[in-house]
Protein backbone atom coordinates (compact mmCIF):
# COMPACT_ATOMS: atom_id res chain seq x y z
CA MET A 1 -11.49 28.98 -5.19
CA LYS A 2 -14.36 26.75 -5.91
CA LEU A 3 -17.35 27.72 -3.75
CA PHE A 4 -20.31 25.39 -4.09
CA LYS A 5 -24.00 25.86 -3.41
CA SER A 6 -23.86 23.61 -0.37
CA ALA A 7 -21.51 26.05 1.32
CA ALA A 8 -23.76 28.98 0.55
CA VAL A 9 -26.96 27.24 1.64
CA ALA A 10 -25.46 26.08 4.92
CA ALA A 11 -23.58 29.31 5.71
CA ALA A 12 -26.11 30.45 8.30
CA MET A 13 -26.09 27.05 9.99
CA VAL A 14 -22.31 26.97 10.05
CA LEU A 15 -22.17 30.50 11.46
CA ILE A 16 -24.46 29.57 14.35
CA THR A 17 -22.67 26.28 14.97
CA SER A 18 -19.26 27.91 14.90
CA LEU A 19 -20.19 30.69 17.28
CA LEU A 20 -21.49 28.13 19.74
CA MET A 21 -18.39 25.96 19.49
CA VAL A 22 -15.58 28.55 19.56
CA PRO A 23 -13.97 28.96 22.99
CA THR A 24 -13.81 32.37 24.61
CA GLN A 25 -10.06 32.85 24.20
CA ALA A 26 -10.37 32.67 20.40
CA GLN A 27 -11.53 36.17 19.57
CA ALA A 28 -10.40 36.35 15.94
CA HIS A 29 -10.54 33.71 13.26
CA GLY A 30 -9.31 33.25 9.75
CA VAL A 31 -7.45 31.06 7.30
CA SER A 32 -6.56 31.42 3.64
CA MET A 33 -9.54 31.26 1.28
CA PHE A 34 -7.51 31.78 -1.89
CA PRO A 35 -5.42 29.87 -2.44
CA GLY A 36 -7.71 27.75 -0.28
CA SER A 37 -6.27 26.23 2.89
CA ARG A 38 -6.71 22.55 3.68
CA THR A 39 -9.37 23.23 6.30
CA PHE A 40 -11.33 25.69 4.14
CA LEU A 41 -11.40 23.46 1.05
CA CYS A 42 -12.14 20.33 3.07
CA TRP A 43 -15.06 22.20 4.67
CA GLN A 44 -16.33 23.11 1.20
CA ASP A 45 -15.76 19.57 -0.01
CA GLY A 46 -17.74 17.94 2.78
CA LEU A 47 -20.49 20.39 3.68
CA ARG A 48 -23.93 19.21 2.54
CA ASP A 49 -27.19 21.13 2.21
CA ASN A 50 -28.42 19.77 5.57
CA GLY A 51 -25.31 21.04 7.39
CA GLN A 52 -23.60 17.66 7.74
CA ILE A 53 -19.94 17.26 6.79
CA LEU A 54 -19.37 14.15 4.66
CA PRO A 55 -16.17 14.62 2.63
CA TYR A 56 -15.73 13.33 -0.90
CA ASN A 57 -12.00 14.04 -1.03
CA PRO A 58 -10.03 11.08 0.42
CA ALA A 59 -7.53 13.27 2.30
CA CYS A 60 -10.36 15.28 3.86
CA ALA A 61 -12.25 12.08 4.68
CA SER A 62 -9.17 10.65 6.40
CA ALA A 63 -8.75 13.83 8.45
CA VAL A 64 -12.40 13.65 9.56
CA GLN A 65 -11.97 9.99 10.46
CA GLN A 66 -9.01 10.93 12.67
CA SER A 67 -10.24 14.17 14.24
CA GLY A 68 -14.00 14.23 13.66
CA THR A 69 -15.99 17.03 12.05
CA THR A 70 -15.61 19.64 14.81
CA PRO A 71 -12.38 21.07 13.31
CA LEU A 72 -14.09 21.59 9.94
CA TYR A 73 -17.08 23.33 11.50
CA ASN A 74 -14.35 25.63 12.85
CA TRP A 75 -12.23 25.67 9.68
CA PHE A 76 -11.28 29.30 10.39
CA ALA A 77 -9.77 28.60 13.84
CA VAL A 78 -6.31 27.12 13.15
CA LEU A 79 -4.79 29.30 15.84
CA ARG A 80 -2.58 29.72 18.86
CA SER A 81 -3.61 32.28 21.46
CA ASP A 82 0.04 32.48 22.57
CA GLY A 83 1.62 32.69 19.11
CA ALA A 84 3.04 36.22 19.44
CA GLY A 85 4.61 36.10 15.98
CA ARG A 86 6.86 33.15 16.81
CA THR A 87 7.81 30.66 14.11
CA THR A 88 10.80 28.29 14.27
CA GLY A 89 11.08 26.64 17.66
CA PHE A 90 7.51 27.46 18.63
CA ILE A 91 5.49 25.53 16.04
CA PRO A 92 7.38 22.21 15.65
CA ASP A 93 8.43 20.93 12.25
CA GLY A 94 5.78 18.63 10.86
CA GLN A 95 2.99 20.55 12.63
CA LEU A 96 2.91 23.81 10.67
CA CYS A 97 -0.48 23.16 9.07
CA SER A 98 -2.15 22.66 12.46
CA GLY A 99 -0.33 25.47 14.26
CA GLY A 100 1.14 22.86 16.58
CA THR A 101 -1.02 21.20 19.22
CA GLY A 102 -1.83 24.08 21.57
CA GLY A 103 -4.93 25.46 19.84
CA PRO A 104 -8.59 25.06 20.79
CA TYR A 105 -9.25 22.32 18.20
CA ASP A 106 -7.34 19.28 16.98
CA PHE A 107 -6.14 20.08 13.47
CA THR A 108 -3.19 17.67 13.57
CA ALA A 109 -4.79 15.45 10.90
CA TYR A 110 -4.26 18.31 8.43
CA ASN A 111 -0.48 17.88 8.73
CA ALA A 112 -0.73 14.54 6.90
CA VAL A 113 1.75 14.01 4.07
CA ARG A 114 -0.54 13.22 1.14
CA SER A 115 -0.77 14.03 -2.56
CA ASP A 116 -4.58 14.16 -2.70
CA TRP A 117 -5.42 17.29 -0.70
CA PRO A 118 -7.62 19.77 -2.63
CA LEU A 119 -5.37 21.59 -5.06
CA THR A 120 -5.31 25.12 -6.52
CA HIS A 121 -3.76 25.48 -9.98
CA LEU A 122 -1.55 28.55 -10.50
CA THR A 123 1.01 30.12 -12.84
CA ALA A 124 4.47 31.05 -11.56
CA GLY A 125 5.28 34.75 -11.67
CA ARG A 126 1.65 35.82 -12.04
CA THR A 127 -0.04 38.32 -9.72
CA ILE A 128 -3.05 36.93 -7.87
CA GLN A 129 -5.51 38.30 -5.35
CA MET A 130 -4.90 36.50 -2.07
CA ARG A 131 -7.90 36.19 0.24
CA HIS A 132 -7.94 35.44 3.95
CA SER A 133 -11.06 34.94 6.04
CA ASN A 134 -11.97 37.84 8.33
CA TRP A 135 -14.36 35.78 10.46
CA ALA A 136 -13.45 38.28 13.18
CA ARG A 137 -11.55 41.39 12.18
CA HIS A 138 -8.39 42.55 13.92
CA PRO A 139 -5.34 44.56 12.88
CA GLY A 140 -2.17 42.74 12.03
CA ALA A 141 0.23 41.44 9.42
CA PHE A 142 -0.01 38.53 7.01
CA ASN A 143 3.32 36.89 6.21
CA TYR A 144 3.24 34.35 3.42
CA TYR A 145 5.76 31.73 2.43
CA ILE A 146 6.16 29.05 -0.22
CA THR A 147 8.09 25.81 -0.31
CA LYS A 148 11.54 26.05 -1.85
CA ASN A 149 12.39 24.45 -5.16
CA GLY A 150 13.58 20.93 -4.45
CA TRP A 151 11.57 20.50 -1.24
CA ASN A 152 10.41 16.97 -0.50
CA PRO A 153 6.59 16.72 -0.77
CA ASN A 154 6.77 13.19 0.62
CA ALA A 155 8.10 14.34 4.01
CA PRO A 156 6.48 16.40 6.80
CA LEU A 157 6.61 20.15 6.16
CA LYS A 158 9.48 21.89 7.98
CA TRP A 159 10.29 25.55 8.53
CA SER A 160 13.49 25.04 6.56
CA ASP A 161 11.37 24.01 3.54
CA LEU A 162 9.87 27.51 3.34
CA GLU A 163 10.98 30.83 1.87
CA PRO A 164 9.06 34.11 2.29
CA PHE A 165 7.58 35.82 -0.75
CA GLY A 166 5.58 38.67 0.74
CA SER A 167 3.86 40.40 3.62
CA VAL A 168 0.96 42.83 4.02
CA THR A 169 -0.35 44.77 7.01
CA ASN A 170 -4.02 45.66 7.57
CA PRO A 171 -5.26 44.85 4.05
CA SER A 172 -8.68 45.77 2.65
CA GLU A 173 -11.81 43.74 3.42
CA SER A 174 -14.59 42.51 1.14
CA GLY A 175 -17.22 43.02 3.83
CA GLY A 176 -17.95 42.81 7.52
CA ALA A 177 -16.67 40.13 9.83
CA GLY A 178 -18.24 36.68 9.76
CA GLY A 179 -19.60 34.48 7.00
CA LEU A 180 -17.45 34.19 3.88
CA ASN A 181 -16.04 37.72 3.77
CA TYR A 182 -12.29 38.15 3.61
CA TYR A 183 -9.20 40.34 3.66
CA TYR A 184 -7.65 40.67 0.22
CA TRP A 185 -4.48 41.94 -1.41
CA ASP A 186 -2.50 41.48 -4.62
CA ALA A 187 0.61 39.30 -4.45
CA GLN A 188 3.05 38.28 -7.14
CA LEU A 189 3.78 34.57 -7.11
CA PRO A 190 7.47 33.66 -7.29
CA ALA A 191 8.87 32.93 -10.72
CA GLY A 192 10.63 29.67 -11.47
CA LYS A 193 8.14 27.44 -9.66
CA SER A 194 6.71 24.26 -11.18
CA GLY A 195 4.76 21.30 -9.91
CA ARG A 196 3.35 20.90 -6.41
CA HIS A 197 4.11 23.34 -3.59
CA ILE A 198 2.59 24.56 -0.32
CA ILE A 199 1.83 28.20 0.42
CA PHE A 200 1.98 28.85 4.17
CA THR A 201 0.27 31.96 5.58
CA HIS A 202 0.91 33.30 9.09
CA TRP A 203 -1.50 35.97 10.38
CA ILE A 204 0.03 37.87 13.31
CA ARG A 205 -2.43 40.02 15.24
CA SER A 206 -1.00 43.33 16.45
CA ASP A 207 -3.55 43.76 19.25
CA SER A 208 -2.95 40.42 21.00
CA ASN A 209 -0.67 37.37 20.95
CA GLU A 210 -3.16 35.33 18.91
CA ASN A 211 -1.81 34.00 15.59
CA PHE A 212 -3.34 31.97 12.74
CA TYR A 213 -1.83 29.44 10.34
CA SER A 214 -2.79 28.16 6.88
CA CYS A 215 -1.41 25.53 4.52
CA SER A 216 -2.62 25.81 0.92
CA ASP A 217 -1.73 23.06 -1.55
CA VAL A 218 -0.99 24.44 -5.01
CA THR A 219 0.48 23.29 -8.29
CA PHE A 220 2.23 25.51 -10.82
CA ASP A 221 0.95 24.16 -14.11
CA GLY A 222 -0.18 27.28 -15.95
CA GLY A 223 -3.50 27.36 -14.08
CA ASN A 224 -5.66 30.38 -13.34
CA GLY A 225 -6.92 29.53 -9.86
CA GLU A 226 -8.94 26.43 -10.72
CA VAL A 227 -9.52 24.05 -7.80
CA THR A 228 -9.52 20.27 -8.13
CA GLY A 229 -10.13 17.61 -5.50
CA VAL A 230 -13.34 19.17 -4.16
CA GLY A 231 -16.77 17.61 -4.53
CA PRO A 232 -17.89 14.36 -6.20
CA GLY A 233 -15.52 13.43 -8.98
CA GLY A 234 -13.37 16.38 -7.98
CA GLN A 235 -10.00 14.71 -8.42
CA SER A 236 -9.70 16.07 -11.94
CA PRO A 237 -11.37 18.86 -13.90
CA GLY A 238 -14.69 17.97 -15.44
CA PRO A 239 -15.41 17.95 -19.18
CA SER A 240 -15.27 21.26 -20.97
CA VAL A 241 -17.93 22.82 -23.15
CA THR A 242 -16.78 23.93 -26.58
CA PRO A 243 -16.17 27.67 -26.22
CA THR A 244 -17.91 30.33 -28.25
CA VAL A 245 -15.55 33.01 -29.54
CA THR A 246 -16.77 36.49 -30.35
CA PRO A 247 -16.13 37.81 -33.88
CA THR A 248 -12.85 39.60 -34.47
CA ALA A 249 -13.07 43.12 -33.12
CA PRO A 250 -11.78 46.24 -34.84
CA GLU A 251 -8.06 46.89 -34.69
CA GLY A 252 -6.97 47.88 -31.19
CA ALA A 253 -9.98 46.20 -29.53
CA CYS A 254 -10.30 42.89 -27.71
CA THR A 255 -12.15 39.61 -28.03
CA ALA A 256 -13.23 37.16 -25.35
CA THR A 257 -13.63 33.37 -25.25
CA TRP A 258 -15.92 31.64 -22.72
CA LYS A 259 -15.66 28.01 -21.61
CA ALA A 260 -16.73 25.78 -18.74
CA THR A 261 -13.68 24.22 -17.10
CA ASP A 262 -15.29 22.03 -14.43
CA THR A 263 -18.78 20.55 -14.62
CA GLY A 264 -18.34 17.74 -12.11
CA TRP A 265 -21.04 18.86 -9.64
CA ALA A 266 -24.71 18.86 -10.65
CA GLY A 267 -26.15 22.36 -10.56
CA HIS A 268 -22.73 24.01 -10.40
CA PHE A 269 -19.90 24.71 -12.79
CA GLN A 270 -16.65 26.60 -13.03
CA GLY A 271 -16.00 28.88 -15.98
CA GLU A 272 -13.11 30.73 -17.54
CA VAL A 273 -12.91 33.63 -19.98
CA THR A 274 -9.82 34.44 -22.04
CA VAL A 275 -9.42 38.05 -23.14
CA ARG A 276 -7.19 38.73 -26.16
CA ASN A 277 -5.85 41.93 -27.68
CA ASN A 278 -6.32 41.50 -31.43
CA GLY A 279 -4.97 44.93 -32.30
CA THR A 280 -1.57 46.34 -33.11
CA SER A 281 -1.37 48.65 -30.09
CA SER A 282 -1.55 47.96 -26.37
CA LEU A 283 -4.85 47.89 -24.49
CA ASN A 284 -5.28 49.78 -21.25
CA GLY A 285 -8.25 48.11 -19.60
CA TRP A 286 -11.03 45.83 -20.82
CA THR A 287 -14.69 45.05 -20.17
CA VAL A 288 -16.39 41.75 -21.03
CA LYS A 289 -20.18 41.35 -21.16
CA TRP A 290 -22.55 38.46 -21.77
CA THR A 291 -26.12 37.45 -21.00
CA TYR A 292 -27.28 34.25 -19.31
CA SER A 293 -30.67 32.93 -20.41
CA GLY A 294 -30.99 29.92 -18.10
CA GLY A 295 -31.02 31.49 -14.65
CA GLN A 296 -27.30 30.96 -13.98
CA GLY A 297 -25.66 32.94 -11.18
CA PHE A 298 -22.29 33.56 -9.55
CA GLU A 299 -21.01 31.91 -6.37
CA GLY A 300 -18.71 34.49 -4.85
CA ALA A 301 -16.59 36.93 -6.81
CA PRO A 302 -14.59 36.10 -9.96
CA TRP A 303 -10.83 35.81 -9.69
CA ASN A 304 -8.56 37.92 -11.91
CA GLY A 305 -11.54 40.14 -12.74
CA VAL A 306 -14.05 42.49 -11.10
CA LEU A 307 -17.79 41.74 -11.28
CA ALA A 308 -19.43 45.01 -12.34
CA GLY A 309 -22.82 43.68 -13.49
CA GLN A 310 -24.84 40.81 -12.02
CA PRO A 311 -26.57 38.03 -14.01
CA PRO A 312 -28.42 37.73 -16.22
CA ASN A 313 -26.57 40.69 -17.77
CA VAL A 314 -23.01 39.97 -16.70
CA THR A 315 -20.23 42.56 -16.80
CA VAL A 316 -16.66 41.82 -15.73
CA THR A 317 -13.84 44.36 -15.89
CA ASN A 318 -10.11 43.90 -15.52
CA ALA A 319 -8.38 43.64 -12.15
CA THR A 320 -5.77 46.21 -11.20
CA TYR A 321 -2.93 44.02 -12.47
CA ASN A 322 -4.17 42.55 -15.78
CA GLY A 323 -5.76 45.45 -17.64
CA GLN A 324 -2.81 46.17 -19.91
CA LEU A 325 -2.41 43.77 -22.82
CA SER A 326 0.25 44.01 -25.50
CA PRO A 327 -0.71 43.17 -29.12
CA ASN A 328 -1.84 39.53 -29.30
CA GLY A 329 -1.51 39.34 -25.51
CA THR A 330 -4.03 37.41 -23.41
CA THR A 331 -5.26 37.20 -19.85
CA THR A 332 -7.92 35.06 -18.20
CA PHE A 333 -10.43 35.36 -15.39
CA GLY A 334 -12.46 32.61 -13.77
CA PHE A 335 -15.58 32.15 -11.68
CA ASN A 336 -17.79 29.63 -9.90
CA ALA A 337 -21.43 29.51 -10.94
CA THR A 338 -24.78 27.97 -10.10
CA GLY A 339 -27.17 26.44 -12.59
CA SER A 340 -26.62 24.29 -15.64
CA VAL A 341 -23.79 24.90 -18.10
CA PRO A 342 -25.09 27.07 -20.97
CA ASN A 343 -25.15 25.14 -24.22
CA PRO A 344 -24.43 26.75 -26.55
CA ALA A 345 -22.03 28.96 -24.65
CA PRO A 346 -23.04 32.61 -24.39
CA SER A 347 -21.82 35.17 -26.92
CA LEU A 348 -19.38 37.64 -25.41
CA THR A 349 -18.50 41.22 -26.21
CA CYS A 350 -15.20 42.79 -25.22
CA THR A 351 -14.47 46.50 -25.25
CA SER A 352 -11.54 48.63 -24.21
CA PRO A 353 -11.56 52.31 -23.22
């Protein structure tokens, strides 16, 4: 979910470019933004402040070398206008990530079998907020799948590698169509997953035959939505800043720990806050507050938390699924930010109703 300044600065340019380049039959557009699809994260990886796409990630760079930059300027358009909900037998095995070869752009390079695509780090069994671009809004269903345990990551992705783990129809939206707004919904990740997997999302419009396809590379390693493989030095998380822990709260209250988890891009960082119930009874909701003194800001919304107060006086409350904490229980939320990493880390307060 890493969203860098370059993407924000160039959003208007990309919007204009994309509208000029999209063919008339493609009336709706969208791919997975969290967990990020290959095209979305490669677009973020390569987009510079002047609007050029020059990828850092080697898999993204190879895809651009094969197919050019036009597909990434249209990262949201992995589509088939004649999809009509079809799966096996319509999109050939080995071409799931491009939606086959019948779309308006050549996304076939994004089917490549590689281990260095941008990667989202997750925890099996945890509930996450899935996000899917609503570049153009239309009614329909989102069916999402994940690779089975024992699948072969060194072979082209096949339909038989996938198993469904959820579906949603006409989910809520973060804002109007276009730009970086999205549909969103809560989904519980399957338990018993470890290591690398692919999440495949199939958006089936109910008002036309147009369908959209997304491949999101993930790893189940206890992560909280961190993204690696994006930006300079993005193949591994950057150095962490020693966290500042708030003093122990009264019995039944919570404490919060702040740390920077990725500082590999100048002027940007990724942060994480761990909320802990230090009491002897369960918590039902939490609120974390801190103050930035160096002009830091947020890039997009936090994950696993709700931004209720903007910098410099930050307030984040629990999401719908992680507000209840048993004694000594913990949960985390993360965010992307602009500015330099605060040093020392800010002091946090945590309260519970």
